Protein backbone atom coordinates (compact mmCIF):
# COMPACT_ATOMS: atom_id res chain seq x y z
CA UNK A 1 263.09 81.28 -37.10
CA UNK A 2 266.40 83.12 -35.10
CA UNK A 3 269.59 83.20 -37.91
CA UNK A 4 270.95 81.09 -34.76
CA UNK A 5 268.69 78.48 -35.49
CA UNK A 6 268.35 78.88 -39.44
CA UNK A 7 272.24 76.80 -39.22
CA UNK A 8 270.60 73.78 -37.70
CA UNK A 9 268.77 73.39 -40.60
CA UNK A 10 272.09 72.89 -42.88
CA UNK A 11 273.61 69.92 -40.29
CA UNK A 12 274.46 66.87 -41.91
CA UNK A 13 271.96 64.67 -40.78
CA UNK A 14 274.03 61.18 -40.97
CA UNK A 15 276.01 62.49 -37.75
CA UNK A 16 274.03 65.01 -35.98
CA UNK A 17 272.46 61.87 -34.42
CA UNK A 18 274.43 60.94 -31.38
CA UNK A 19 275.25 57.09 -31.64
CA UNK A 20 277.35 57.85 -35.03
CA UNK A 21 278.29 61.33 -34.02
CA UNK A 22 279.99 59.60 -31.09
CA UNK A 23 281.84 56.37 -34.00
CA UNK A 24 282.58 59.19 -35.91
CA UNK A 25 284.84 61.02 -33.32
CA UNK A 26 286.28 58.08 -31.81
CA UNK A 27 286.80 57.09 -35.43
CA UNK A 28 288.74 60.70 -36.63
CA UNK A 29 291.25 60.10 -33.31
CA UNK A 30 292.04 56.98 -34.62
CA UNK A 31 293.81 55.34 -37.66
CA UNK A 32 291.55 52.20 -37.53
CA UNK A 33 289.10 50.94 -35.04
CA UNK A 34 287.74 46.74 -34.89
CA UNK A 35 284.06 46.59 -34.34
CA UNK A 36 284.59 44.66 -30.79
CA UNK A 37 286.10 48.30 -29.78
CA UNK A 38 283.89 50.33 -31.53
CA UNK A 39 281.49 48.15 -29.62
CA UNK A 40 282.95 48.72 -26.05
CA UNK A 41 283.79 52.77 -26.61
CA UNK A 42 280.06 53.77 -27.71
CA UNK A 43 278.02 50.93 -25.49
CA UNK A 44 275.69 50.54 -28.54
CA UNK A 45 274.41 47.02 -29.23
CA UNK A 46 275.96 44.85 -31.54
CA UNK A 47 272.76 45.31 -33.99
CA UNK A 48 272.79 49.28 -33.28
CA UNK A 49 276.09 49.41 -34.23
CA UNK A 50 275.40 47.77 -36.68
CA UNK A 51 273.16 49.88 -38.66
CA UNK A 52 274.65 52.95 -37.77
CA UNK A 53 277.79 51.90 -39.05
CA UNK A 54 276.03 50.58 -42.26
CA UNK A 55 274.82 54.48 -42.79
CA UNK A 56 277.77 56.12 -42.17
CA UNK A 57 279.52 53.38 -44.99
CA UNK A 58 276.43 54.29 -47.17
CA UNK A 59 277.04 57.97 -47.19
CA UNK A 60 280.49 57.35 -47.97
CA UNK A 61 282.00 58.36 -44.32
CA UNK A 62 283.59 54.87 -43.30
CA UNK A 63 284.77 52.39 -44.40
CA UNK A 64 284.50 49.04 -43.33
CA UNK A 65 286.77 45.84 -44.09
CA UNK A 66 286.14 42.44 -43.69
CA UNK A 67 288.68 39.74 -42.80
CA UNK A 68 289.40 36.77 -40.62
CA UNK A 69 292.26 36.47 -38.08
CA UNK A 70 292.51 32.23 -38.69
CA UNK A 71 288.81 31.12 -38.24
CA UNK A 72 287.70 34.61 -36.49
CA UNK A 73 286.07 37.09 -38.65
CA UNK A 74 287.31 41.02 -37.92
CA UNK A 75 285.45 43.81 -39.73
CA UNK A 76 287.98 47.02 -39.38
CA UNK A 77 286.23 50.72 -39.61
CA UNK A 78 287.79 53.90 -40.76
CA UNK A 79 287.21 57.44 -41.51
CA UNK A 80 287.13 58.16 -45.77
CA UNK A 81 288.33 60.90 -46.72
CA UNK A 82 284.85 62.59 -47.03
CA UNK A 83 284.10 61.19 -43.60
CA UNK A 84 286.87 63.46 -42.11
CA UNK A 85 285.30 66.33 -44.34
CA UNK A 86 281.69 65.65 -43.64
CA UNK A 87 282.87 65.60 -39.31
CA UNK A 88 284.77 68.57 -39.57
CA UNK A 89 282.32 70.69 -41.32
CA UNK A 90 279.87 69.38 -39.00
CA UNK A 91 282.00 71.07 -36.15
CA UNK A 92 282.54 73.74 -37.85
CA UNK A 93 278.54 74.34 -38.14
CA UNK A 94 278.29 73.55 -34.43
CA UNK A 95 280.69 75.98 -33.70
CA UNK A 96 278.85 78.92 -35.38
CA UNK A 97 275.45 77.81 -33.64
CA UNK A 98 276.92 78.31 -30.33
CA UNK A 99 279.20 81.26 -31.17
CA UNK A 100 275.75 82.95 -32.18
CA UNK A 101 274.38 81.62 -29.14
CA UNK A 102 276.59 82.86 -27.42
CA UNK A 103 276.18 86.24 -28.80
CA UNK A 104 272.74 86.27 -28.82
CA UNK A 105 272.66 85.21 -25.15
CA UNK A 106 274.83 88.37 -23.53
CA UNK A 107 273.36 90.77 -25.90
CA UNK A 108 270.03 90.55 -24.18
């Protein structure tokens, strides 16, 4: 296995899944987002979004706050400091892989 591909073995599998990466990217650009906003922004079903948010919450990457506005439930999600750090590390790792791939391609 090439050295470039070995870097992919070390990426955070929680974040690497496309739907969770999309959620993390959205939350990194906002202070917080409610469930309906994430539902519309991601295009996921309610069940899929809920499942991915639960995995991110268990990893400590997302904080989920459930409140009520009158009698209407409201779920607010925000990236935790650990989530921000994990996303930054993931993005740096992927950038390294891309840079090495480009470099290796140019050498050939």
